[in-house]
Protein backbone atom coordinates (compact mmCIF):
# COMPACT_ATOMS: atom_id res chain seq x y z
CA MET A 1 -3.38 13.12 30.90
CA SER A 2 0.25 13.98 29.60
CA PRO A 3 0.78 14.52 25.80
CA ARG A 4 1.66 11.39 23.50
CA PRO A 5 5.60 11.63 22.93
CA LYS A 6 6.14 12.95 19.33
CA SER A 7 7.78 9.48 16.47
CA GLU A 8 10.63 10.17 14.73
CA HIS A 9 8.25 9.17 11.67
CA SER A 10 5.45 11.36 12.51
CA LYS A 11 3.04 11.21 9.90
CA GLN A 12 1.78 14.04 9.03
CA LEU A 13 0.08 13.47 5.48
CA ARG A 14 -3.16 12.83 4.77
CA PHE A 15 -3.71 10.96 1.83
CA GLU A 16 -6.68 8.63 -0.13
CA MET A 17 -7.10 6.96 -2.90
CA ARG A 18 -9.93 4.66 -4.25
CA MET A 19 -9.59 1.66 -5.76
CA GLY A 20 -11.99 -1.07 -7.10
CA ALA A 21 -12.80 -4.19 -4.82
CA GLU A 22 -10.80 -6.77 -5.99
CA THR A 23 -7.50 -4.69 -4.50
CA ALA A 24 -9.80 -4.30 -1.81
CA GLU A 25 -10.15 -7.74 -0.79
CA LYS A 26 -7.00 -8.08 -1.07
CA LEU A 27 -5.13 -5.17 0.59
CA MET A 28 -7.36 -6.55 3.57
CA TYR A 29 -6.30 -9.90 2.85
CA CYS A 30 -2.86 -9.09 3.61
CA ALA A 31 -3.45 -6.85 6.57
CA GLU A 32 -5.19 -9.62 8.39
CA LYS A 33 -2.70 -12.28 7.44
CA LEU A 34 0.18 -10.04 8.37
CA GLY A 35 -2.17 -8.71 11.87
CA VAL A 36 -1.16 -4.92 10.59
CA SER A 37 -2.75 -2.39 9.02
CA ARG A 38 -3.50 -1.06 5.80
CA ALA A 39 -1.27 1.90 5.78
CA ALA A 40 1.92 -0.40 6.93
CA ILE A 41 0.42 -2.68 3.88
CA ILE A 42 0.55 0.02 1.89
CA GLU A 43 3.66 1.24 3.25
CA LYS A 44 5.66 -1.80 2.12
CA GLY A 45 4.54 -2.15 -1.15
CA ILE A 46 5.65 1.51 -2.01
CA ASP A 47 9.19 -0.18 -0.36
CA LEU A 48 8.56 -2.85 -2.02
CA VAL A 49 8.81 -1.21 -5.37
CA LYS A 50 11.11 1.50 -4.17
CA ALA A 51 14.17 -1.32 -3.44
CA GLU A 52 13.77 -2.79 -6.96
CA LEU A 53 14.11 0.54 -9.06
CA ASP A 54 17.34 0.99 -7.32
CA LYS A 55 18.99 -1.54 -8.22
CA LYS A 56 17.92 -0.79 -11.91
């Protein structure tokens, strides 16, 4: 079996966070509705906040 090719955007860092039940439910809802991972939802949120900050 050959190794998986390296991604252009390799994810080498790990981040853990704590959140309340309501926030966790919102995260799961968004991930399920969009058919993506929870990490993808968090990354999208970070991108949205950064874009908003860059406008200022």
